[in-house]
């Protein structure tokens, strides 16, 4: 990592874990292939784990600048998933809050969840 920032511990919220398993289930249902579902879950987890050192690459969310996001896509075309996270350098953690499909209105969903 070029910035020289320390590696942080990546942890997933219960909702983020639920999101990943729902994504796995959706892939299994859509493609009828457990290997495909496993492969996509591995792809997402690899991208999430990179946040340990690449958390500075996240972009702040317009309405919630305390949260950042990265977009994970297997190809330039098509859809992917937003990984929404919060960085606490003092606690040395990257907390992944949600993993949501790029078709979703993420900020509206967060507004409902945060009750703001």
N, C-alpha and C. Protein backbone atom coordinates (compact mmCIF):
# COMPACT_ATOMS: atom_id res chain seq x y z
N UNK A 1 0.85 -1.18 0.00
CA UNK A 1 0.00 0.00 0.00
C UNK A 1 0.88 1.23 0.00
N UNK A 2 0.64 2.12 -0.89
CA UNK A 2 1.49 3.29 -1.09
C UNK A 2 1.39 4.31 0.03
N UNK A 3 0.25 4.38 0.73
CA UNK A 3 0.05 5.42 1.72
C UNK A 3 0.81 5.16 3.01
N UNK A 4 1.27 3.96 3.24
CA UNK A 4 1.99 3.65 4.45
C UNK A 4 1.10 3.50 5.67
N UNK A 5 -0.19 3.42 5.48
CA UNK A 5 -1.11 3.24 6.59
C UNK A 5 -0.97 1.81 7.12
N UNK A 6 -1.20 1.63 8.43
CA UNK A 6 -1.08 0.29 9.00
C UNK A 6 -2.24 -0.61 8.57
N UNK A 7 -1.98 -1.91 8.56
CA UNK A 7 -3.05 -2.86 8.27
C UNK A 7 -4.01 -2.89 9.46
N UNK A 8 -5.27 -2.90 9.17
CA UNK A 8 -6.30 -2.94 10.21
C UNK A 8 -6.99 -4.30 10.17
N UNK A 9 -7.70 -4.61 11.23
CA UNK A 9 -8.49 -5.82 11.29
C UNK A 9 -9.84 -5.56 10.65
N UNK A 10 -10.25 -6.43 9.75
CA UNK A 10 -11.55 -6.32 9.11
C UNK A 10 -12.54 -7.20 9.86
N UNK A 11 -13.65 -6.61 10.27
CA UNK A 11 -14.70 -7.41 10.90
C UNK A 11 -16.03 -7.07 10.24
N UNK A 12 -16.89 -8.06 10.19
CA UNK A 12 -18.20 -7.91 9.54
C UNK A 12 -19.29 -7.82 10.60
N UNK A 13 -20.20 -6.90 10.37
CA UNK A 13 -21.37 -6.81 11.23
C UNK A 13 -22.25 -8.03 10.97
N UNK A 14 -23.14 -8.35 11.91
CA UNK A 14 -24.07 -9.46 11.64
C UNK A 14 -24.88 -9.25 10.36
N UNK A 15 -25.27 -8.01 10.07
CA UNK A 15 -26.02 -7.74 8.83
C UNK A 15 -25.17 -8.00 7.60
N UNK A 16 -23.89 -7.65 7.66
CA UNK A 16 -23.00 -7.91 6.52
C UNK A 16 -22.84 -9.41 6.30
N UNK A 17 -22.70 -10.17 7.39
CA UNK A 17 -22.62 -11.64 7.26
C UNK A 17 -23.90 -12.18 6.65
N UNK A 18 -25.05 -11.68 7.12
CA UNK A 18 -26.33 -12.10 6.55
C UNK A 18 -26.41 -11.75 5.07
N UNK A 19 -25.91 -10.56 4.72
CA UNK A 19 -25.91 -10.15 3.31
C UNK A 19 -25.12 -11.15 2.46
N UNK A 20 -23.93 -11.54 2.94
CA UNK A 20 -23.09 -12.46 2.17
C UNK A 20 -23.79 -13.80 1.97
N UNK A 21 -24.44 -14.32 3.00
CA UNK A 21 -25.12 -15.61 2.85
C UNK A 21 -26.34 -15.49 1.96
N UNK A 22 -27.01 -14.34 2.00
CA UNK A 22 -28.15 -14.13 1.09
C UNK A 22 -27.67 -14.06 -0.36
N UNK A 23 -26.53 -13.42 -0.57
CA UNK A 23 -25.95 -13.35 -1.92
C UNK A 23 -25.58 -14.75 -2.39
N UNK A 24 -25.00 -15.55 -1.50
CA UNK A 24 -24.65 -16.93 -1.85
C UNK A 24 -25.92 -17.69 -2.25
N UNK A 25 -26.98 -17.55 -1.45
CA UNK A 25 -28.23 -18.23 -1.75
C UNK A 25 -28.85 -17.78 -3.06
N UNK A 26 -28.80 -16.48 -3.31
CA UNK A 26 -29.33 -15.95 -4.58
C UNK A 26 -28.56 -16.51 -5.76
N UNK A 27 -27.24 -16.60 -5.63
CA UNK A 27 -26.42 -17.15 -6.72
C UNK A 27 -26.71 -18.63 -6.93
N UNK A 28 -26.89 -19.36 -5.84
CA UNK A 28 -27.20 -20.78 -5.97
C UNK A 28 -28.54 -20.97 -6.68
N UNK A 29 -29.53 -20.19 -6.28
CA UNK A 29 -30.85 -20.29 -6.90
C UNK A 29 -30.81 -19.89 -8.37
N UNK A 30 -30.11 -18.82 -8.66
CA UNK A 30 -30.08 -18.32 -10.04
C UNK A 30 -29.31 -19.23 -10.99
N UNK A 31 -28.14 -19.73 -10.54
CA UNK A 31 -27.27 -20.49 -11.43
C UNK A 31 -27.34 -22.00 -11.21
N UNK A 32 -28.03 -22.42 -10.13
CA UNK A 32 -28.16 -23.85 -9.83
C UNK A 32 -26.79 -24.54 -9.79
N UNK A 33 -25.80 -23.84 -9.22
CA UNK A 33 -24.43 -24.36 -9.21
C UNK A 33 -23.75 -23.91 -7.92
N UNK A 34 -23.51 -24.87 -7.03
CA UNK A 34 -22.90 -24.54 -5.75
C UNK A 34 -21.48 -23.99 -5.94
N UNK A 35 -20.78 -24.46 -6.96
CA UNK A 35 -19.41 -23.97 -7.21
C UNK A 35 -19.43 -22.50 -7.63
N UNK A 36 -20.43 -22.13 -8.40
CA UNK A 36 -20.57 -20.73 -8.79
C UNK A 36 -20.86 -19.88 -7.55
N UNK A 37 -21.79 -20.32 -6.73
CA UNK A 37 -22.14 -19.57 -5.51
C UNK A 37 -20.93 -19.46 -4.58
N UNK A 38 -20.21 -20.56 -4.40
CA UNK A 38 -19.00 -20.54 -3.56
C UNK A 38 -17.95 -19.60 -4.13
N UNK A 39 -17.77 -19.65 -5.45
CA UNK A 39 -16.76 -18.80 -6.10
C UNK A 39 -17.07 -17.32 -5.95
N UNK A 40 -18.34 -16.96 -6.07
CA UNK A 40 -18.70 -15.55 -5.94
C UNK A 40 -18.55 -15.10 -4.49
N UNK A 41 -18.91 -15.95 -3.55
CA UNK A 41 -18.72 -15.63 -2.14
C UNK A 41 -17.22 -15.44 -1.84
N UNK A 42 -16.39 -16.30 -2.38
CA UNK A 42 -14.93 -16.16 -2.20
C UNK A 42 -14.44 -14.85 -2.80
N UNK A 43 -14.94 -14.51 -3.99
CA UNK A 43 -14.58 -13.24 -4.63
C UNK A 43 -14.92 -12.06 -3.71
N UNK A 44 -16.14 -12.06 -3.15
CA UNK A 44 -16.55 -10.96 -2.26
C UNK A 44 -15.69 -10.93 -1.00
N UNK A 45 -15.46 -12.07 -0.39
CA UNK A 45 -14.67 -12.11 0.85
C UNK A 45 -13.22 -11.65 0.59
N UNK A 46 -12.67 -12.00 -0.55
CA UNK A 46 -11.32 -11.55 -0.90
C UNK A 46 -11.29 -10.03 -1.01
N UNK A 47 -12.27 -9.46 -1.69
CA UNK A 47 -12.35 -8.00 -1.82
C UNK A 47 -12.53 -7.33 -0.47
N UNK A 48 -13.36 -7.91 0.37
CA UNK A 48 -13.58 -7.37 1.71
C UNK A 48 -12.29 -7.43 2.52
N UNK A 49 -11.58 -8.54 2.46
CA UNK A 49 -10.34 -8.69 3.23
C UNK A 49 -9.26 -7.71 2.78
N UNK A 50 -9.31 -7.29 1.51
CA UNK A 50 -8.34 -6.29 1.03
C UNK A 50 -8.50 -4.95 1.75
N UNK A 51 -9.67 -4.72 2.33
CA UNK A 51 -9.89 -3.47 3.06
C UNK A 51 -8.96 -3.32 4.25
N UNK A 52 -8.35 -4.40 4.70
CA UNK A 52 -7.40 -4.33 5.81
C UNK A 52 -6.28 -3.34 5.49
N UNK A 53 -5.88 -3.31 4.23
CA UNK A 53 -4.80 -2.40 3.82
C UNK A 53 -5.26 -1.33 2.84
N UNK A 54 -6.38 -1.56 2.17
CA UNK A 54 -6.84 -0.63 1.13
C UNK A 54 -8.06 0.19 1.57
N UNK A 55 -8.25 0.33 2.87
CA UNK A 55 -9.42 1.07 3.37
C UNK A 55 -9.41 2.52 2.93
N UNK A 56 -8.26 3.06 2.63
CA UNK A 56 -8.16 4.43 2.14
C UNK A 56 -8.72 4.61 0.74
N UNK A 57 -8.92 3.50 0.03
CA UNK A 57 -9.46 3.56 -1.33
C UNK A 57 -10.97 3.75 -1.34
N UNK A 58 -11.62 3.55 -0.22
CA UNK A 58 -13.07 3.71 -0.16
C UNK A 58 -13.48 5.15 -0.39
N UNK A 59 -14.64 5.31 -0.99
CA UNK A 59 -15.17 6.65 -1.22
C UNK A 59 -16.23 6.95 -0.17
N UNK A 60 -16.25 8.19 0.34
CA UNK A 60 -17.29 8.55 1.31
C UNK A 60 -18.67 8.56 0.64
N UNK A 61 -19.66 8.17 1.39
CA UNK A 61 -21.03 8.22 0.90
C UNK A 61 -21.52 9.65 0.99
N UNK A 62 -22.25 10.08 -0.01
CA UNK A 62 -22.68 11.49 -0.09
C UNK A 62 -23.48 11.91 1.14
N UNK A 63 -24.48 11.15 1.52
CA UNK A 63 -25.33 11.54 2.64
C UNK A 63 -24.79 11.10 3.99
N UNK A 64 -23.87 10.16 3.99
CA UNK A 64 -23.31 9.61 5.23
C UNK A 64 -21.79 9.56 5.12
N UNK A 65 -21.12 10.71 5.21
CA UNK A 65 -19.67 10.74 4.99
C UNK A 65 -18.85 9.95 6.02
N UNK A 66 -19.48 9.56 7.12
CA UNK A 66 -18.77 8.74 8.10
C UNK A 66 -18.62 7.30 7.61
N UNK A 67 -19.38 6.95 6.57
CA UNK A 67 -19.28 5.63 5.95
C UNK A 67 -18.56 5.76 4.62
N UNK A 68 -17.83 4.72 4.27
CA UNK A 68 -17.18 4.65 2.97
C UNK A 68 -17.72 3.43 2.24
N UNK A 69 -17.45 3.37 0.95
CA UNK A 69 -17.85 2.19 0.19
C UNK A 69 -16.84 1.92 -0.91
N UNK A 70 -16.78 0.66 -1.28
CA UNK A 70 -16.07 0.21 -2.47
C UNK A 70 -17.06 -0.62 -3.27
N UNK A 71 -16.83 -0.68 -4.57
CA UNK A 71 -17.68 -1.49 -5.44
C UNK A 71 -16.88 -2.69 -5.90
N UNK A 72 -17.43 -3.88 -5.69
CA UNK A 72 -16.78 -5.11 -6.14
C UNK A 72 -17.57 -5.66 -7.32
N UNK A 73 -16.87 -5.82 -8.44
CA UNK A 73 -17.48 -6.36 -9.66
C UNK A 73 -16.50 -7.35 -10.26
N UNK A 74 -17.02 -8.46 -10.75
CA UNK A 74 -16.15 -9.44 -11.39
C UNK A 74 -15.76 -9.02 -12.80
N UNK A 75 -16.57 -8.16 -13.41
CA UNK A 75 -16.24 -7.66 -14.75
C UNK A 75 -16.71 -6.22 -14.85
N UNK A 76 -16.22 -5.53 -15.85
CA UNK A 76 -16.62 -4.13 -16.04
C UNK A 76 -18.11 -4.01 -16.35
N UNK A 77 -18.61 -4.97 -17.07
CA UNK A 77 -20.03 -4.97 -17.44
C UNK A 77 -20.84 -5.62 -16.33
N UNK A 78 -22.09 -5.31 -16.30
CA UNK A 78 -22.97 -5.96 -15.34
C UNK A 78 -22.95 -5.28 -13.99
N UNK A 79 -23.55 -5.97 -13.06
CA UNK A 79 -23.71 -5.44 -11.71
C UNK A 79 -22.67 -6.03 -10.78
N UNK A 80 -22.64 -5.50 -9.58
CA UNK A 80 -21.74 -5.98 -8.55
C UNK A 80 -22.35 -5.69 -7.20
N UNK A 81 -21.48 -5.50 -6.23
CA UNK A 81 -21.93 -5.24 -4.86
C UNK A 81 -21.15 -4.09 -4.25
N UNK A 82 -21.86 -3.27 -3.49
CA UNK A 82 -21.24 -2.23 -2.69
C UNK A 82 -20.90 -2.82 -1.33
N UNK A 83 -19.69 -2.56 -0.88
CA UNK A 83 -19.30 -2.92 0.48
C UNK A 83 -19.23 -1.61 1.25
N UNK A 84 -20.11 -1.46 2.23
CA UNK A 84 -20.20 -0.24 3.02
C UNK A 84 -19.49 -0.49 4.34
N UNK A 85 -18.59 0.42 4.70
CA UNK A 85 -17.80 0.18 5.90
C UNK A 85 -17.47 1.49 6.61
N UNK A 86 -17.00 1.34 7.83
CA UNK A 86 -16.55 2.46 8.65
C UNK A 86 -15.16 2.10 9.15
N UNK A 87 -14.27 3.07 9.13
CA UNK A 87 -12.89 2.87 9.56
C UNK A 87 -12.70 3.52 10.93
N UNK A 88 -12.09 2.77 11.83
CA UNK A 88 -11.68 3.32 13.12
C UNK A 88 -10.19 3.02 13.28
N UNK A 89 -9.39 4.01 12.89
CA UNK A 89 -7.94 3.81 13.01
C UNK A 89 -7.52 3.72 14.47
N UNK A 90 -8.23 4.42 15.37
CA UNK A 90 -7.87 4.36 16.78
C UNK A 90 -8.11 2.94 17.35
N UNK A 91 -9.15 2.27 16.85
CA UNK A 91 -9.42 0.89 17.28
C UNK A 91 -8.75 -0.13 16.36
N UNK A 92 -8.18 0.36 15.28
CA UNK A 92 -7.50 -0.45 14.28
C UNK A 92 -8.43 -1.49 13.64
N UNK A 93 -9.66 -1.03 13.31
CA UNK A 93 -10.60 -1.94 12.64
C UNK A 93 -11.27 -1.26 11.45
N UNK A 94 -11.64 -2.09 10.51
CA UNK A 94 -12.53 -1.72 9.42
C UNK A 94 -13.78 -2.55 9.68
N UNK A 95 -14.85 -1.89 9.98
CA UNK A 95 -16.13 -2.57 10.27
C UNK A 95 -16.98 -2.54 9.01
N UNK A 96 -17.21 -3.70 8.42
CA UNK A 96 -18.07 -3.81 7.25
C UNK A 96 -19.51 -3.86 7.75
N UNK A 97 -20.29 -2.89 7.31
CA UNK A 97 -21.66 -2.75 7.79
C UNK A 97 -22.67 -3.50 6.93
N UNK A 98 -22.51 -3.40 5.62
CA UNK A 98 -23.44 -4.04 4.69
C UNK A 98 -22.72 -4.40 3.40
N UNK A 99 -23.27 -5.38 2.69
CA UNK A 99 -22.84 -5.74 1.35
C UNK A 99 -24.12 -5.78 0.52
N UNK A 100 -24.31 -4.76 -0.34
CA UNK A 100 -25.58 -4.57 -1.03
C UNK A 100 -25.38 -4.51 -2.55
N UNK A 101 -26.34 -5.01 -3.26
CA UNK A 101 -26.28 -5.05 -4.72
C UNK A 101 -26.25 -3.62 -5.28
N UNK A 102 -25.54 -3.46 -6.39
CA UNK A 102 -25.41 -2.13 -6.99
C UNK A 102 -26.72 -1.58 -7.54
N UNK A 103 -27.72 -2.41 -7.71
CA UNK A 103 -29.03 -1.92 -8.16
C UNK A 103 -29.82 -1.27 -7.03
N UNK A 104 -29.43 -1.53 -5.80
CA UNK A 104 -30.18 -1.02 -4.64
C UNK A 104 -29.92 0.46 -4.42
N UNK A 105 -30.90 1.13 -3.86
CA UNK A 105 -30.73 2.50 -3.40
C UNK A 105 -30.12 2.41 -2.00
N UNK A 106 -28.81 2.38 -1.96
CA UNK A 106 -28.08 2.12 -0.72
C UNK A 106 -28.33 3.20 0.32
N UNK A 107 -28.28 4.45 -0.08
CA UNK A 107 -28.45 5.52 0.90
C UNK A 107 -29.86 5.52 1.48
N UNK A 108 -30.85 5.21 0.68
CA UNK A 108 -32.23 5.14 1.20
C UNK A 108 -32.36 3.97 2.19
N UNK A 109 -31.74 2.85 1.86
CA UNK A 109 -31.77 1.70 2.77
C UNK A 109 -31.09 2.04 4.09
N UNK A 110 -29.94 2.70 4.02
CA UNK A 110 -29.25 3.08 5.26
C UNK A 110 -30.09 4.06 6.07
N UNK A 111 -30.75 4.97 5.37
CA UNK A 111 -31.61 5.95 6.07
C UNK A 111 -32.66 5.22 6.90
N UNK A 112 -33.28 4.21 6.32
CA UNK A 112 -34.30 3.43 7.03
C UNK A 112 -33.68 2.66 8.19
N UNK A 113 -32.53 2.07 7.96
CA UNK A 113 -31.89 1.26 9.00
C UNK A 113 -31.37 2.11 10.15
N UNK A 114 -30.89 3.31 9.82
CA UNK A 114 -30.33 4.20 10.85
C UNK A 114 -31.41 5.04 11.52
N UNK A 115 -32.62 4.98 10.95
CA UNK A 115 -33.76 5.70 11.51
C UNK A 115 -33.50 7.20 11.59
N UNK A 116 -32.97 7.74 10.48
CA UNK A 116 -32.71 9.19 10.43
C UNK A 116 -33.62 9.87 9.44
